[in-house]
């Protein structure tokens, strides 16, 4: 499974390199997979809920590490030449994630 680094600059560089190799459809698919990875099992919401349930700081650290790459993937997705409906989908996910990320980013 593709894992983006926690550094947004590294994510941007990876996306730039992908743009040179793959076409629009491939980049779109890769970004959708990245969004799913960051939100799905083992992702932001999963790790945050594990933190809430188990009070293990390791889960909070992993949650924090995944937030910036998630938003970098959302931003990259918005830069693609897409239909209005396609661009709106990650925005809805970002808005849903917003309360989670603000809570997860608060100092312990």
C-alpha atoms as a PDB file:
ATOM      1  CA  UNK A   1       0.000   0.000   0.000  1.00  0.00           C
ATOM      2  CA  UNK A   2       1.297   3.461  -0.890  1.00  0.00           C
ATOM      3  CA  UNK A   3       2.159   5.534   2.201  1.00  0.00           C
ATOM      4  CA  UNK A   4       2.755   9.254   1.836  1.00  0.00           C
ATOM      5  CA  UNK A   5       5.353  10.751   4.125  1.00  0.00           C
ATOM      6  CA  UNK A   6       4.277  13.138   6.874  1.00  0.00           C
ATOM      7  CA  UNK A   7       6.191  16.005   5.241  1.00  0.00           C
ATOM      8  CA  UNK A   8       3.891  18.030   2.914  1.00  0.00           C
ATOM      9  CA  UNK A   9       6.913  19.047   0.820  1.00  0.00           C
ATOM     10  CA  UNK A  10       7.701  15.371   0.228  1.00  0.00           C
ATOM     11  CA  UNK A  11       4.084  14.759  -0.746  1.00  0.00           C
ATOM     12  CA  UNK A  12       4.220  17.661  -3.206  1.00  0.00           C
ATOM     13  CA  UNK A  13       7.452  16.333  -4.695  1.00  0.00           C
ATOM     14  CA  UNK A  14       5.948  12.836  -5.025  1.00  0.00           C
ATOM     15  CA  UNK A  15       2.901  14.286  -6.755  1.00  0.00           C
ATOM     16  CA  UNK A  16       5.122  16.307  -9.093  1.00  0.00           C
ATOM     17  CA  UNK A  17       7.050  13.168 -10.008  1.00  0.00           C
ATOM     18  CA  UNK A  18       3.812  11.238 -10.533  1.00  0.00           C
ATOM     19  CA  UNK A  19       2.584  13.984 -12.834  1.00  0.00           C
ATOM     20  CA  UNK A  20       5.621  13.496 -15.015  1.00  0.00           C
ATOM     21  CA  UNK A  21       5.088   9.744 -15.270  1.00  0.00           C
ATOM     22  CA  UNK A  22       1.357   9.173 -15.179  1.00  0.00           C
ATOM     23  CA  UNK A  23      -1.573  10.760 -16.947  1.00  0.00           C
ATOM     24  CA  UNK A  24      -4.541  12.551 -15.425  1.00  0.00           C
ATOM     25  CA  UNK A  25      -6.595   9.396 -14.825  1.00  0.00           C
ATOM     26  CA  UNK A  26      -3.724   7.625 -13.083  1.00  0.00           C
ATOM     27  CA  UNK A  27      -2.985  10.648 -10.854  1.00  0.00           C
ATOM     28  CA  UNK A  28      -6.656  10.875  -9.975  1.00  0.00           C
ATOM     29  CA  UNK A  29      -6.747   7.186  -9.023  1.00  0.00           C
ATOM     30  CA  UNK A  30      -3.590   7.461  -6.944  1.00  0.00           C
ATOM     31  CA  UNK A  31      -4.931  10.485  -5.088  1.00  0.00           C
ATOM     32  CA  UNK A  32      -8.264   8.780  -4.409  1.00  0.00           C
ATOM     33  CA  UNK A  33      -6.368   5.785  -3.023  1.00  0.00           C
ATOM     34  CA  UNK A  34      -4.303   8.105  -0.860  1.00  0.00           C
ATOM     35  CA  UNK A  35      -7.428   9.801   0.516  1.00  0.00           C
ATOM     36  CA  UNK A  36      -8.965   6.425   1.312  1.00  0.00           C
ATOM     37  CA  UNK A  37      -5.772   5.280   2.997  1.00  0.00           C
ATOM     38  CA  UNK A  38      -5.606   8.362   5.195  1.00  0.00           C
ATOM     39  CA  UNK A  39      -9.255   8.056   6.242  1.00  0.00           C
ATOM     40  CA  UNK A  40      -9.783   4.277   6.189  1.00  0.00           C
ATOM     41  CA  UNK A  41      -8.659   1.427   8.399  1.00  0.00           C
ATOM     42  CA  UNK A  42      -5.378   2.412  10.014  1.00  0.00           C
ATOM     43  CA  UNK A  43      -5.967   6.016   8.991  1.00  0.00           C
ATOM     44  CA  UNK A  44      -6.759   9.248  10.778  1.00  0.00           C
ATOM     45  CA  UNK A  45     -10.218   8.450  12.123  1.00  0.00           C
ATOM     46  CA  UNK A  46      -9.295   4.883  13.065  1.00  0.00           C
ATOM     47  CA  UNK A  47      -6.175   5.962  14.946  1.00  0.00           C
ATOM     48  CA  UNK A  48      -7.969   8.822  16.662  1.00  0.00           C
ATOM     49  CA  UNK A  49     -10.757   6.529  17.852  1.00  0.00           C
ATOM     50  CA  UNK A  50      -8.129   4.065  19.127  1.00  0.00           C
ATOM     51  CA  UNK A  51      -6.542   6.949  21.016  1.00  0.00           C
ATOM     52  CA  UNK A  52      -9.898   7.932  22.553  1.00  0.00           C
ATOM     53  CA  UNK A  53     -10.716   4.356  23.528  1.00  0.00           C
ATOM     54  CA  UNK A  54      -7.270   3.216  24.705  1.00  0.00           C
ATOM     55  CA  UNK A  55      -5.666   6.521  25.767  1.00  0.00           C
ATOM     56  CA  UNK A  56      -2.411   5.361  24.148  1.00  0.00           C
ATOM     57  CA  UNK A  57      -0.422   8.441  23.000  1.00  0.00           C
ATOM     58  CA  UNK A  58       1.096   6.459  20.113  1.00  0.00           C
ATOM     59  CA  UNK A  59      -2.284   6.545  18.351  1.00  0.00           C
ATOM     60  CA  UNK A  60      -2.507  10.316  18.748  1.00  0.00           C
ATOM     61  CA  UNK A  61       0.998  10.745  17.325  1.00  0.00           C
ATOM     62  CA  UNK A  62       0.074   8.605  14.313  1.00  0.00           C
ATOM     63  CA  UNK A  63      -3.123  10.618  13.846  1.00  0.00           C
ATOM     64  CA  UNK A  64      -1.194  13.882  13.892  1.00  0.00           C
ATOM     65  CA  UNK A  65       1.343  12.512  11.409  1.00  0.00           C
ATOM     66  CA  UNK A  66      -1.419  11.599   8.931  1.00  0.00           C
ATOM     67  CA  UNK A  67      -3.313  14.915   8.905  1.00  0.00           C
ATOM     68  CA  UNK A  68      -0.870  17.009   6.847  1.00  0.00           C
ATOM     69  CA  UNK A  69      -0.449  14.362   4.110  1.00  0.00           C
ATOM     70  CA  UNK A  70      -4.242  13.998   3.937  1.00  0.00           C
ATOM     71  CA  UNK A  71      -4.705  17.712   3.310  1.00  0.00           C
ATOM     72  CA  UNK A  72      -1.793  17.723   0.843  1.00  0.00           C
ATOM     73  CA  UNK A  73      -3.583  14.975  -1.122  1.00  0.00           C
ATOM     74  CA  UNK A  74      -6.853  16.970  -0.969  1.00  0.00           C
ATOM     75  CA  UNK A  75      -5.049  20.054  -2.294  1.00  0.00           C
ATOM     76  CA  UNK A  76      -3.394  18.047  -5.071  1.00  0.00           C
ATOM     77  CA  UNK A  77      -6.752  16.517  -6.000  1.00  0.00           C
ATOM     78  CA  UNK A  78      -8.286  19.986  -6.283  1.00  0.00           C
ATOM     79  CA  UNK A  79      -5.518  20.989  -8.713  1.00  0.00           C
ATOM     80  CA  UNK A  80      -6.499  18.306 -11.229  1.00  0.00           C
ATOM     81  CA  UNK A  81      -8.642  19.208 -14.218  1.00  0.00           C
ATOM     82  CA  UNK A  82     -11.862  17.677 -12.875  1.00  0.00           C
ATOM     83  CA  UNK A  83     -15.598  18.171 -13.001  1.00  0.00           C
ATOM     84  CA  UNK A  84     -17.063  20.420 -10.302  1.00  0.00           C
ATOM     85  CA  UNK A  85     -18.679  17.400  -8.625  1.00  0.00           C
ATOM     86  CA  UNK A  86     -15.350  15.550  -8.520  1.00  0.00           C
ATOM     87  CA  UNK A  87     -13.571  18.502  -6.927  1.00  0.00           C
ATOM     88  CA  UNK A  88     -16.299  18.835  -4.298  1.00  0.00           C
ATOM     89  CA  UNK A  89     -15.966  15.254  -2.980  1.00  0.00           C
ATOM     90  CA  UNK A  90     -12.642  15.692  -1.123  1.00  0.00           C
ATOM     91  CA  UNK A  91     -13.842  19.055   0.150  1.00  0.00           C
ATOM     92  CA  UNK A  92     -16.755  17.292   1.846  1.00  0.00           C
ATOM     93  CA  UNK A  93     -14.312  14.788   3.357  1.00  0.00           C
ATOM     94  CA  UNK A  94     -12.091  17.638   4.524  1.00  0.00           C
ATOM     95  CA  UNK A  95     -15.035  19.363   6.155  1.00  0.00           C
ATOM     96  CA  UNK A  96     -16.032  16.129   7.874  1.00  0.00           C
ATOM     97  CA  UNK A  97     -12.454  15.626   9.065  1.00  0.00           C
ATOM     98  CA  UNK A  98     -12.101  19.175  10.335  1.00  0.00           C
ATOM     99  CA  UNK A  99     -13.405  18.567  13.908  1.00  0.00           C
ATOM    100  CA  UNK A 100     -11.257  15.421  14.160  1.00  0.00           C
ATOM    101  CA  UNK A 101      -8.086  17.154  13.035  1.00  0.00           C
ATOM    102  CA  UNK A 102      -8.539  20.191  15.253  1.00  0.00           C
ATOM    103  CA  UNK A 103      -9.027  17.948  18.308  1.00  0.00           C
ATOM    104  CA  UNK A 104      -6.091  15.725  17.361  1.00  0.00           C
ATOM    105  CA  UNK A 105      -3.775  18.703  16.866  1.00  0.00           C
ATOM    106  CA  UNK A 106      -4.428  20.176  20.310  1.00  0.00           C
ATOM    107  CA  UNK A 107      -1.497  19.724  22.688  1.00  0.00           C
ATOM    108  CA  UNK A 108      -1.952  16.996  25.274  1.00  0.00           C
END
